[in-house]
PDB file of N, CA and C in Angstrom:
ATOM      1  N   MET A   1     194.039   5.542 117.375  1.00  0.00           N
ATOM      2  CA  MET A   1     194.395   5.625 116.261  1.00  0.00           C
ATOM      3  C   MET A   1     193.149   5.261 115.798  1.00  0.00           C
ATOM      4  N   ASP A   2     192.126   4.462 116.383  1.00  0.00           N
ATOM      5  CA  ASP A   2     190.711   3.967 116.298  1.00  0.00           C
ATOM      6  C   ASP A   2     189.633   4.981 115.828  1.00  0.00           C
ATOM      7  N   THR A   3     190.158   5.943 116.916  1.00  0.00           N
ATOM      8  CA  THR A   3     189.026   7.398 117.144  1.00  0.00           C
ATOM      9  C   THR A   3     189.071   8.125 116.129  1.00  0.00           C
ATOM     10  N   LEU A   4     190.633   8.176 115.212  1.00  0.00           N
ATOM     11  CA  LEU A   4     190.841   9.112 114.029  1.00  0.00           C
ATOM     12  C   LEU A   4     190.688   8.597 112.951  1.00  0.00           C
ATOM     13  N   ILE A   5     190.260   7.185 113.135  1.00  0.00           N
ATOM     14  CA  ILE A   5     190.219   6.477 111.917  1.00  0.00           C
ATOM     15  C   ILE A   5     188.151   6.210 111.701  1.00  0.00           C
ATOM     16  N   PHE A   6     187.849   5.965 112.646  1.00  0.00           N
ATOM     17  CA  PHE A   6     186.088   6.212 112.597  1.00  0.00           C
ATOM     18  C   PHE A   6     186.041   7.636 112.480  1.00  0.00           C
ATOM     19  N   GLY A   7     186.496   8.825 113.166  1.00  0.00           N
ATOM     20  CA  GLY A   7     185.756   9.778 112.834  1.00  0.00           C
ATOM     21  C   GLY A   7     186.036  10.299 111.090  1.00  0.00           C
ATOM     22  N   GLY A   8     187.125  10.096 110.667  1.00  0.00           N
ATOM     23  CA  GLY A   8     187.438  10.211 109.393  1.00  0.00           C
ATOM     24  C   GLY A   8     186.281   9.881 108.449  1.00  0.00           C
ATOM     25  N   LEU A   9     185.922   8.719 108.680  1.00  0.00           N
ATOM     26  CA  LEU A   9     184.695   7.698 107.946  1.00  0.00           C
ATOM     27  C   LEU A   9     183.371   8.567 108.163  1.00  0.00           C
ATOM     28  N   LEU A  10     183.361   8.692 109.222  1.00  0.00           N
ATOM     29  CA  LEU A  10     181.957   9.101 109.553  1.00  0.00           C
ATOM     30  C   LEU A  10     182.292  10.758 108.901  1.00  0.00           C
ATOM     31  N   ALA A  11     183.338  11.711 108.596  1.00  0.00           N
ATOM     32  CA  ALA A  11     183.085  13.046 108.478  1.00  0.00           C
ATOM     33  C   ALA A  11     182.660  12.300 106.475  1.00  0.00           C
ATOM     34  N   THR A  12     183.531  11.021 106.036  1.00  0.00           N
ATOM     35  CA  THR A  12     183.331  11.044 104.925  1.00  0.00           C
ATOM     36  C   THR A  12     182.344  10.267 104.783  1.00  0.00           C
ATOM     37  N   LEU A  13     181.375   9.942 105.642  1.00  0.00           N
ATOM     38  CA  LEU A  13     179.758   9.327 105.044  1.00  0.00           C
ATOM     39  C   LEU A  13     178.883  10.771 104.681  1.00  0.00           C
ATOM     40  N   ILE A  14     179.140  11.176 106.105  1.00  0.00           N
ATOM     41  CA  ILE A  14     178.354  12.734 106.081  1.00  0.00           C
ATOM     42  C   ILE A  14     178.586  14.011 104.546  1.00  0.00           C
ATOM     43  N   THR A  15     180.097  13.536 104.029  1.00  0.00           N
ATOM     44  CA  THR A  15     180.130  14.309 103.090  1.00  0.00           C
ATOM     45  C   THR A  15     179.413  13.907 102.321  1.00  0.00           C
ATOM     46  N   LEU A  16     179.086  12.277 101.646  1.00  0.00           N
ATOM     47  CA  LEU A  16     178.430  11.606 100.602  1.00  0.00           C
ATOM     48  C   LEU A  16     176.883  12.445 100.834  1.00  0.00           C
ATOM     49  N   TYR A  17     176.851  12.021 102.114  1.00  0.00           N
ATOM     50  CA  TYR A  17     175.691  11.850 102.415  1.00  0.00           C
ATOM     51  C   TYR A  17     174.516  13.218 102.419  1.00  0.00           C
ATOM     52  N   ARG A  18     175.183  13.993 102.103  1.00  0.00           N
ATOM     53  CA  ARG A  18     174.532  15.949 102.066  1.00  0.00           C
ATOM     54  C   ARG A  18     174.868  16.182 100.405  1.00  0.00           C
ATOM     55  N   ASP A  19     175.326  15.463  99.757  1.00  0.00           N
ATOM     56  CA  ASP A  19     175.234  15.611  98.483  1.00  0.00           C
ATOM     57  C   ASP A  19     176.595  16.548  98.057  1.00  0.00           C
ATOM     58  N   SER A  20     177.156  16.582  98.330  1.00  0.00           N
ATOM     59  CA  SER A  20     178.573  17.316  98.348  1.00  0.00           C
ATOM     60  C   SER A  20     178.936  16.919  96.868  1.00  0.00           C
ATOM     61  N   SER A  21     180.022  18.220  96.618  1.00  0.00           N
ATOM     62  CA  SER A  21     180.646  17.850  95.377  1.00  0.00           C
ATOM     63  C   SER A  21     181.201  16.640  94.838  1.00  0.00           C
ATOM     64  N   ARG A  22     181.345  15.753  93.614  1.00  0.00           N
ATOM     65  CA  ARG A  22     182.203  14.861  93.877  1.00  0.00           C
ATOM     66  C   ARG A  22     183.429  15.239  94.105  1.00  0.00           C
ATOM     67  N   MET A  23     184.238  16.064  94.032  1.00  0.00           N
ATOM     68  CA  MET A  23     185.424  16.150  94.274  1.00  0.00           C
ATOM     69  C   MET A  23     185.573  16.462  95.872  1.00  0.00           C
ATOM     70  N   VAL A  24     184.390  16.997  96.270  1.00  0.00           N
ATOM     71  CA  VAL A  24     184.823  17.012  97.993  1.00  0.00           C
ATOM     72  C   VAL A  24     184.985  15.388  98.350  1.00  0.00           C
ATOM     73  N   ALA A  25     183.841  14.844  98.267  1.00  0.00           N
ATOM     74  CA  ALA A  25     183.649  13.095  98.464  1.00  0.00           C
ATOM     75  C   ALA A  25     185.245  12.252  98.080  1.00  0.00           C
ATOM     76  N   LEU A  26     185.649  12.742  97.153  1.00  0.00           N
ATOM     77  CA  LEU A  26     186.767  11.751  96.587  1.00  0.00           C
ATOM     78  C   LEU A  26     188.384  12.018  97.351  1.00  0.00           C
ATOM     79  N   GLY A  27     188.126  13.607  97.663  1.00  0.00           N
ATOM     80  CA  GLY A  27     189.455  14.326  98.260  1.00  0.00           C
ATOM     81  C   GLY A  27     188.889  14.268  99.619  1.00  0.00           C
ATOM     82  N   ALA A  28     187.965  14.047 100.540  1.00  0.00           N
ATOM     83  CA  ALA A  28     187.666  13.152 101.717  1.00  0.00           C
ATOM     84  C   ALA A  28     187.895  11.723 101.848  1.00  0.00           C
ATOM     85  N   TRP A  29     188.090  11.036 100.883  1.00  0.00           N
ATOM     86  CA  TRP A  29     188.122   9.625 100.333  1.00  0.00           C
ATOM     87  C   TRP A  29     189.490   9.216 100.502  1.00  0.00           C
ATOM     88  N   TRP A  30     190.634  10.464  99.879  1.00  0.00           N
ATOM     89  CA  TRP A  30     191.789   9.729  99.650  1.00  0.00           C
ATOM     90  C   TRP A  30     192.272  10.488 100.951  1.00  0.00           C
ATOM     91  N   VAL A  31     192.115  11.211 101.554  1.00  0.00           N
ATOM     92  CA  VAL A  31     192.726  12.167 102.793  1.00  0.00           C
ATOM     93  C   VAL A  31     192.431  11.015 104.148  1.00  0.00           C
ATOM     94  N   MET A  32     191.218  10.358 103.919  1.00  0.00           N
ATOM     95  CA  MET A  32     191.247   8.910 104.976  1.00  0.00           C
ATOM     96  C   MET A  32     191.931   7.924 104.283  1.00  0.00           C
ATOM     97  N   LEU A  33     192.344   7.134 103.198  1.00  0.00           N
ATOM     98  CA  LEU A  33     193.367   6.282 102.593  1.00  0.00           C
ATOM     99  C   LEU A  33     194.658   6.715 103.129  1.00  0.00           C
ATOM    100  N   VAL A  34     194.814   8.108 102.769  1.00  0.00           N
ATOM    101  CA  VAL A  34     196.694   7.960 103.482  1.00  0.00           C
ATOM    102  C   VAL A  34     196.211   8.336 104.952  1.00  0.00           C
ATOM    103  N   ALA A  35     196.002   8.684 105.504  1.00  0.00           N
ATOM    104  CA  ALA A  35     195.548   8.605 107.198  1.00  0.00           C
ATOM    105  C   ALA A  35     195.725   7.207 107.724  1.00  0.00           C
ATOM    106  N   VAL A  36     194.721   6.274 106.891  1.00  0.00           N
ATOM    107  CA  VAL A  36     195.149   4.808 107.322  1.00  0.00           C
ATOM    108  C   VAL A  36     196.046   4.403 107.189  1.00  0.00           C
ATOM    109  N   ILE A  37     196.492   4.215 106.294  1.00  0.00           N
ATOM    110  CA  ILE A  37     198.318   4.207 105.326  1.00  0.00           C
ATOM    111  C   ILE A  37     199.222   4.111 106.397  1.00  0.00           C
ATOM    112  N   LEU A  38     198.900   5.758 106.684  1.00  0.00           N
ATOM    113  CA  LEU A  38     200.150   6.363 107.965  1.00  0.00           C
ATOM    114  C   LEU A  38     200.150   5.849 109.310  1.00  0.00           C
ATOM    115  N   LEU A  39     198.596   5.475 109.311  1.00  0.00           N
ATOM    116  CA  LEU A  39     198.555   5.539 110.672  1.00  0.00           C
ATOM    117  C   LEU A  39     198.888   3.581 111.179  1.00  0.00           C
ATOM    118  N   MET A  40     198.764   2.482 109.921  1.00  0.00           N
ATOM    119  CA  MET A  40     198.819   1.574 110.524  1.00  0.00           C
ATOM    120  C   MET A  40     200.315   1.321 110.085  1.00  0.00           C
ATOM    121  N   ALA A  41     200.663   2.272 109.377  1.00  0.00           N
ATOM    122  CA  ALA A  41     202.242   2.139 109.195  1.00  0.00           C
ATOM    123  C   ALA A  41     203.319   2.029 110.714  1.00  0.00           C
ATOM    124  N   HIS A  42     202.842   3.500 110.929  1.00  0.00           N
ATOM    125  CA  HIS A  42     203.264   3.923 112.482  1.00  0.00           C
ATOM    126  C   HIS A  42     202.889   2.511 113.685  1.00  0.00           C
ATOM    127  N   HIS A  43     202.247   2.263 113.361  1.00  0.00           N
ATOM    128  CA  HIS A  43     201.098   0.620 114.332  1.00  0.00           C
ATOM    129  C   HIS A  43     202.029  -0.527 114.159  1.00  0.00           C
ATOM    130  N   ILE A  44     202.284  -0.804 113.044  1.00  0.00           N
ATOM    131  CA  ILE A  44     202.864  -1.826 112.534  1.00  0.00           C
ATOM    132  C   ILE A  44     204.387  -1.380 113.282  1.00  0.00           C
ATOM    133  N   THR A  45     205.041  -0.577 112.541  1.00  0.00           N
ATOM    134  CA  THR A  45     206.697  -0.870 112.697  1.00  0.00           C
ATOM    135  C   THR A  45     207.157  -0.336 114.208  1.00  0.00           C
ATOM    136  N   SER A  46     205.984   0.614 114.889  1.00  0.00           N
ATOM    137  CA  SER A  46     206.386   1.630 116.122  1.00  0.00           C
ATOM    138  C   SER A  46     205.804   0.434 117.348  1.00  0.00           C
ATOM    139  N   SER A  47     204.743   0.390 117.400  1.00  0.00           N
ATOM    140  CA  SER A  47     203.840  -0.628 118.244  1.00  0.00           C
ATOM    141  C   SER A  47     204.282  -1.846 118.678  1.00  0.00           C
ATOM    142  N   LEU A  48     204.149  -2.828 117.650  1.00  0.00           N
ATOM    143  CA  LEU A  48     204.619  -4.078 117.619  1.00  0.00           C
ATOM    144  C   LEU A  48     206.113  -4.332 117.654  1.00  0.00           C
ATOM    145  N   ALA A  49     207.314  -4.186 117.569  1.00  0.00           N
ATOM    146  CA  ALA A  49     208.242  -3.699 117.306  1.00  0.00           C
ATOM    147  C   ALA A  49     208.836  -5.284 116.648  1.00  0.00           C
ATOM    148  N   LEU A  50     208.179  -4.771 115.310  1.00  0.00           N
ATOM    149  CA  LEU A  50     208.389  -6.155 114.096  1.00  0.00           C
ATOM    150  C   LEU A  50     209.960  -6.017 113.892  1.00  0.00           C
ATOM    151  N   THR A  51     210.716  -4.924 113.647  1.00  0.00           N
ATOM    152  CA  THR A  51     211.112  -4.194 113.286  1.00  0.00           C
ATOM    153  C   THR A  51     211.342  -4.266 111.890  1.00  0.00           C
ATOM    154  N   LEU A  52     210.140  -4.300 110.762  1.00  0.00           N
ATOM    155  CA  LEU A  52     209.489  -3.623 109.910  1.00  0.00           C
ATOM    156  C   LEU A  52     210.526  -2.788 109.337  1.00  0.00           C
ATOM    157  N   SER A  53     210.572  -2.171 108.084  1.00  0.00           N
ATOM    158  CA  SER A  53     210.733  -1.254 107.286  1.00  0.00           C
ATOM    159  C   SER A  53     209.979  -0.897 106.041  1.00  0.00           C
ATOM    160  N   TYR A  54     209.911   0.059 105.934  1.00  0.00           N
ATOM    161  CA  TYR A  54     209.447   0.819 104.692  1.00  0.00           C
ATOM    162  C   TYR A  54     209.546   0.255 103.476  1.00  0.00           C
TER     163      TYR A  54
END
């Protein structure tokens, strides 16, 4: 999970560093935000077995 998050953040940082268009940078940021939320929801509800629900 950490590898996916850090890899996505690195890809977003590279996108910003290359002076890509604003839409590409915002798109990468939103994709990473959604990925982090989904991975954290999966981690909390399945790995920790806290029986939390969405």
